[in-house]
C-alpha atoms as a PDB file:
ATOM      1  CA  UNK A   1     101.765 -97.940  41.774  1.00  0.00           C
ATOM      2  CA  UNK A   2     101.940 -94.198  41.948  1.00  0.00           C
ATOM      3  CA  UNK A   3     100.584 -92.376  44.957  1.00  0.00           C
ATOM      4  CA  UNK A   4      98.007 -90.685  42.757  1.00  0.00           C
ATOM      5  CA  UNK A   5      96.725 -94.010  41.404  1.00  0.00           C
ATOM      6  CA  UNK A   6      96.638 -95.387  44.957  1.00  0.00           C
ATOM      7  CA  UNK A   7      94.562 -92.427  46.088  1.00  0.00           C
ATOM      8  CA  UNK A   8      92.218 -92.834  43.120  1.00  0.00           C
ATOM      9  CA  UNK A   9      91.833 -96.566  43.816  1.00  0.00           C
ATOM     10  CA  UNK A  10      91.056 -96.010  47.509  1.00  0.00           C
ATOM     11  CA  UNK A  11      88.542 -93.282  46.675  1.00  0.00           C
ATOM     12  CA  UNK A  12      86.876 -95.590  44.134  1.00  0.00           C
ATOM     13  CA  UNK A  13      86.669 -98.446  46.654  1.00  0.00           C
ATOM     14  CA  UNK A  14      85.317 -96.051  49.262  1.00  0.00           C
ATOM     15  CA  UNK A  15      82.565 -94.844  46.934  1.00  0.00           C
ATOM     16  CA  UNK A  16      81.559 -98.402  45.956  1.00  0.00           C
ATOM     17  CA  UNK A  17      81.578 -99.482  49.605  1.00  0.00           C
ATOM     18  CA  UNK A  18      79.348 -96.547  50.553  1.00  0.00           C
ATOM     19  CA  UNK A  19      76.936 -97.424  47.740  1.00  0.00           C
ATOM     20  CA  UNK A  20      76.840-101.059  48.849  1.00  0.00           C
ATOM     21  CA  UNK A  21      76.337-100.069  52.469  1.00  0.00           C
ATOM     22  CA  UNK A  22      73.419 -97.835  51.531  1.00  0.00           C
ATOM     23  CA  UNK A  23      71.836-100.460  49.252  1.00  0.00           C
ATOM     24  CA  UNK A  24      72.033-103.106  51.992  1.00  0.00           C
ATOM     25  CA  UNK A  25      70.494-100.697  54.518  1.00  0.00           C
ATOM     26  CA  UNK A  26      67.600-100.004  52.151  1.00  0.00           C
ATOM     27  CA  UNK A  27      67.118-103.717  51.472  1.00  0.00           C
ATOM     28  CA  UNK A  28      67.225-104.533  55.205  1.00  0.00           C
ATOM     29  CA  UNK A  29      64.559-101.926  55.902  1.00  0.00           C
ATOM     30  CA  UNK A  30      62.276-103.090  53.086  1.00  0.00           C
ATOM     31  CA  UNK A  31      62.554-106.783  53.964  1.00  0.00           C
ATOM     32  CA  UNK A  32      61.995-105.980  57.634  1.00  0.00           C
ATOM     33  CA  UNK A  33      58.791-104.130  56.743  1.00  0.00           C
ATOM     34  CA  UNK A  34      57.623-107.007  54.564  1.00  0.00           C
ATOM     35  CA  UNK A  35      58.222-109.425  57.428  1.00  0.00           C
ATOM     36  CA  UNK A  36      56.265-107.181  59.774  1.00  0.00           C
ATOM     37  CA  UNK A  37      53.351-106.684  57.364  1.00  0.00           C
ATOM     38  CA  UNK A  38      52.970-110.378  56.568  1.00  0.00           C
ATOM     39  CA  UNK A  39      53.154-111.208  60.259  1.00  0.00           C
ATOM     40  CA  UNK A  40      50.544-108.607  61.219  1.00  0.00           C
ATOM     41  CA  UNK A  41      48.179-109.728  58.454  1.00  0.00           C
ATOM     42  CA  UNK A  42      48.546-113.361  59.580  1.00  0.00           C
ATOM     43  CA  UNK A  43      47.851-112.500  63.209  1.00  0.00           C
ATOM     44  CA  UNK A  44      44.850-110.301  62.398  1.00  0.00           C
ATOM     45  CA  UNK A  45      43.272-112.903  60.108  1.00  0.00           C
ATOM     46  CA  UNK A  46      43.920-115.707  62.596  1.00  0.00           C
ATOM     47  CA  UNK A  47      42.380-113.633  65.378  1.00  0.00           C
ATOM     48  CA  UNK A  48      39.274-112.891  63.313  1.00  0.00           C
ATOM     49  CA  UNK A  49      38.888-116.566  62.421  1.00  0.00           C
ATOM     50  CA  UNK A  50      39.388-117.700  66.006  1.00  0.00           C
ATOM     51  CA  UNK A  51      36.907-115.174  67.356  1.00  0.00           C
ATOM     52  CA  UNK A  52      34.363-116.104  64.674  1.00  0.00           C
ATOM     53  CA  UNK A  53      34.652-119.797  65.451  1.00  0.00           C
ATOM     54  CA  UNK A  54      34.013-119.216  69.159  1.00  0.00           C
ATOM     55  CA  UNK A  55      31.099-116.892  68.390  1.00  0.00           C
ATOM     56  CA  UNK A  56      29.551-119.492  66.088  1.00  0.00           C
ATOM     57  CA  UNK A  57      29.650-122.190  68.796  1.00  0.00           C
ATOM     58  CA  UNK A  58      26.793-120.578  70.701  1.00  0.00           C
ATOM     59  CA  UNK A  59      24.384-120.136  67.786  1.00  0.00           C
ATOM     60  CA  UNK A  60      23.522-121.240  64.278  1.00  0.00           C
ATOM     61  CA  UNK A  61      25.539-119.169  61.775  1.00  0.00           C
ATOM     62  CA  UNK A  62      24.571-118.310  58.215  1.00  0.00           C
ATOM     63  CA  UNK A  63      26.322-120.329  55.487  1.00  0.00           C
ATOM     64  CA  UNK A  64      27.797-117.167  53.919  1.00  0.00           C
ATOM     65  CA  UNK A  65      29.475-116.321  57.245  1.00  0.00           C
ATOM     66  CA  UNK A  66      30.853-119.852  57.450  1.00  0.00           C
ATOM     67  CA  UNK A  67      32.274-119.511  53.927  1.00  0.00           C
ATOM     68  CA  UNK A  68      33.793-116.123  54.761  1.00  0.00           C
ATOM     69  CA  UNK A  69      35.422-117.513  57.915  1.00  0.00           C
ATOM     70  CA  UNK A  70      36.745-120.460  55.870  1.00  0.00           C
ATOM     71  CA  UNK A  71      38.254-118.091  53.292  1.00  0.00           C
ATOM     72  CA  UNK A  72      39.803-115.930  56.009  1.00  0.00           C
ATOM     73  CA  UNK A  73      41.226-119.062  57.619  1.00  0.00           C
ATOM     74  CA  UNK A  74      42.850-120.089  54.326  1.00  0.00           C
ATOM     75  CA  UNK A  75      44.215-116.570  53.799  1.00  0.00           C
ATOM     76  CA  UNK A  76      45.718-116.580  57.290  1.00  0.00           C
ATOM     77  CA  UNK A  77      47.426-119.880  56.521  1.00  0.00           C
ATOM     78  CA  UNK A  78      48.693-118.573  53.157  1.00  0.00           C
ATOM     79  CA  UNK A  79      50.154-115.381  54.677  1.00  0.00           C
ATOM     80  CA  UNK A  80      51.751-117.336  57.494  1.00  0.00           C
ATOM     81  CA  UNK A  81      53.257-119.814  55.022  1.00  0.00           C
ATOM     82  CA  UNK A  82      54.538-116.984  52.811  1.00  0.00           C
ATOM     83  CA  UNK A  83      56.203-115.338  55.773  1.00  0.00           C
ATOM     84  CA  UNK A  84      57.877-118.605  56.700  1.00  0.00           C
ATOM     85  CA  UNK A  85      58.845-119.528  53.131  1.00  0.00           C
ATOM     86  CA  UNK A  86      60.155-116.102  52.058  1.00  0.00           C
ATOM     87  CA  UNK A  87      62.130-115.655  55.326  1.00  0.00           C
ATOM     88  CA  UNK A  88      61.975-111.864  55.126  1.00  0.00           C
ATOM     89  CA  UNK A  89      63.175-111.502  58.718  1.00  0.00           C
ATOM     90  CA  UNK A  90      66.273-113.588  58.036  1.00  0.00           C
ATOM     91  CA  UNK A  91      66.969-111.795  54.754  1.00  0.00           C
ATOM     92  CA  UNK A  92      66.620-108.424  56.488  1.00  0.00           C
ATOM     93  CA  UNK A  93      69.138-109.477  59.149  1.00  0.00           C
ATOM     94  CA  UNK A  94      71.647-110.596  56.522  1.00  0.00           C
ATOM     95  CA  UNK A  95      71.376-107.264  54.701  1.00  0.00           C
ATOM     96  CA  UNK A  96      71.763-105.350  57.971  1.00  0.00           C
ATOM     97  CA  UNK A  97      74.929-107.312  58.785  1.00  0.00           C
ATOM     98  CA  UNK A  98      76.308-106.683  55.292  1.00  0.00           C
ATOM     99  CA  UNK A  99      75.586-102.941  55.664  1.00  0.00           C
ATOM    100  CA  UNK A 100      77.466-102.908  58.967  1.00  0.00           C
ATOM    101  CA  UNK A 101      80.465-104.683  57.434  1.00  0.00           C
ATOM    102  CA  UNK A 102      80.524-102.266  54.490  1.00  0.00           C
ATOM    103  CA  UNK A 103      80.362 -99.389  56.979  1.00  0.00           C
ATOM    104  CA  UNK A 104      83.371-100.798  58.791  1.00  0.00           C
ATOM    105  CA  UNK A 105      85.231-101.102  55.495  1.00  0.00           C
ATOM    106  CA  UNK A 106      84.375 -97.492  54.628  1.00  0.00           C
ATOM    107  CA  UNK A 107      85.836 -96.304  57.906  1.00  0.00           C
ATOM    108  CA  UNK A 108      88.983 -98.340  57.301  1.00  0.00           C
ATOM    109  CA  UNK A 109      89.455 -96.791  53.860  1.00  0.00           C
ATOM    110  CA  UNK A 110      88.717 -93.297  55.200  1.00  0.00           C
ATOM    111  CA  UNK A 111      91.316 -93.859  57.899  1.00  0.00           C
ATOM    112  CA  UNK A 112      93.869 -94.911  55.314  1.00  0.00           C
ATOM    113  CA  UNK A 113      93.115 -91.857  53.175  1.00  0.00           C
ATOM    114  CA  UNK A 114      93.392 -89.574  56.210  1.00  0.00           C
ATOM    115  CA  UNK A 115      96.541 -91.279  57.471  1.00  0.00           C
ATOM    116  CA  UNK A 116      98.368 -90.834  54.235  1.00  0.00           C
ATOM    117  CA  UNK A 117      97.665 -93.135  51.356  1.00  0.00           C
ATOM    118  CA  UNK A 118     101.258 -92.548  50.214  1.00  0.00           C
ATOM    119  CA  UNK A 119     102.527 -95.050  52.781  1.00  0.00           C
ATOM    120  CA  UNK A 120     100.151 -97.899  51.949  1.00  0.00           C
ATOM    121  CA  UNK A 121     101.900-100.916  50.520  1.00  0.00           C
ATOM    122  CA  UNK A 122     100.788-103.106  47.659  1.00  0.00           C
ATOM    123  CA  UNK A 123     100.254-105.945  50.145  1.00  0.00           C
ATOM    124  CA  UNK A 124      97.939-103.767  52.253  1.00  0.00           C
ATOM    125  CA  UNK A 125      95.986-102.767  49.147  1.00  0.00           C
ATOM    126  CA  UNK A 126      95.722-106.386  48.086  1.00  0.00           C
ATOM    127  CA  UNK A 127      94.507-107.394  51.567  1.00  0.00           C
ATOM    128  CA  UNK A 128      91.859-104.683  51.412  1.00  0.00           C
ATOM    129  CA  UNK A 129      90.841-105.861  47.938  1.00  0.00           C
ATOM    130  CA  UNK A 130      90.560-109.455  49.182  1.00  0.00           C
ATOM    131  CA  UNK A 131      88.407-108.285  52.107  1.00  0.00           C
ATOM    132  CA  UNK A 132      86.129-106.363  49.739  1.00  0.00           C
ATOM    133  CA  UNK A 133      85.875-109.376  47.426  1.00  0.00           C
ATOM    134  CA  UNK A 134      85.033-111.662  50.338  1.00  0.00           C
ATOM    135  CA  UNK A 135      82.445-109.230  51.658  1.00  0.00           C
ATOM    136  CA  UNK A 136      80.812-108.951  48.241  1.00  0.00           C
ATOM    137  CA  UNK A 137      80.670-112.716  47.777  1.00  0.00           C
ATOM    138  CA  UNK A 138      79.284-113.382  51.285  1.00  0.00           C
ATOM    139  CA  UNK A 139      76.658-110.639  51.195  1.00  0.00           C
ATOM    140  CA  UNK A 140      73.138-111.310  49.967  1.00  0.00           C
ATOM    141  CA  UNK A 141      72.295-109.903  46.567  1.00  0.00           C
ATOM    142  CA  UNK A 142      70.558-106.550  46.689  1.00  0.00           C
ATOM    143  CA  UNK A 143      67.664-106.430  44.218  1.00  0.00           C
ATOM    144  CA  UNK A 144      68.398-103.931  41.438  1.00  0.00           C
ATOM    145  CA  UNK A 145      65.421-101.730  42.325  1.00  0.00           C
ATOM    146  CA  UNK A 146      66.865-101.049  45.813  1.00  0.00           C
ATOM    147  CA  UNK A 147      70.376-100.107  44.695  1.00  0.00           C
ATOM    148  CA  UNK A 148      69.762 -96.477  43.834  1.00  0.00           C
ATOM    149  CA  UNK A 149      67.144 -95.501  46.422  1.00  0.00           C
END
């Protein structure tokens, strides 16, 4: 490989790593917010239902109120189940870890470019390529709509 092609390859890998790092950060933030919102909605609905049930123990409550409390109770269960099933908190953590690993890879490539890409060997390039391949295969998939935000 020529030194110019090595430089071009490292710059290309650096750019792709930066894009992946950014996409994983965006995904981590979005999934974290989803986890928070579903959790808050579940807690609020459960609190309303619990308070309503205790309030209804002391007096006769209208049937429409009972139906409303029943619906709210079902909604609380649905939101809680969705939060558990979709695992947004876990997904957010995986994206955050992937972003951190891509950031580390970016710094490694930047160091190599600053240190003199002319001295990098084919074996070192291949090791870096293998690390990037492994990172890509172990990272969660970033939904397409979050890749260019």
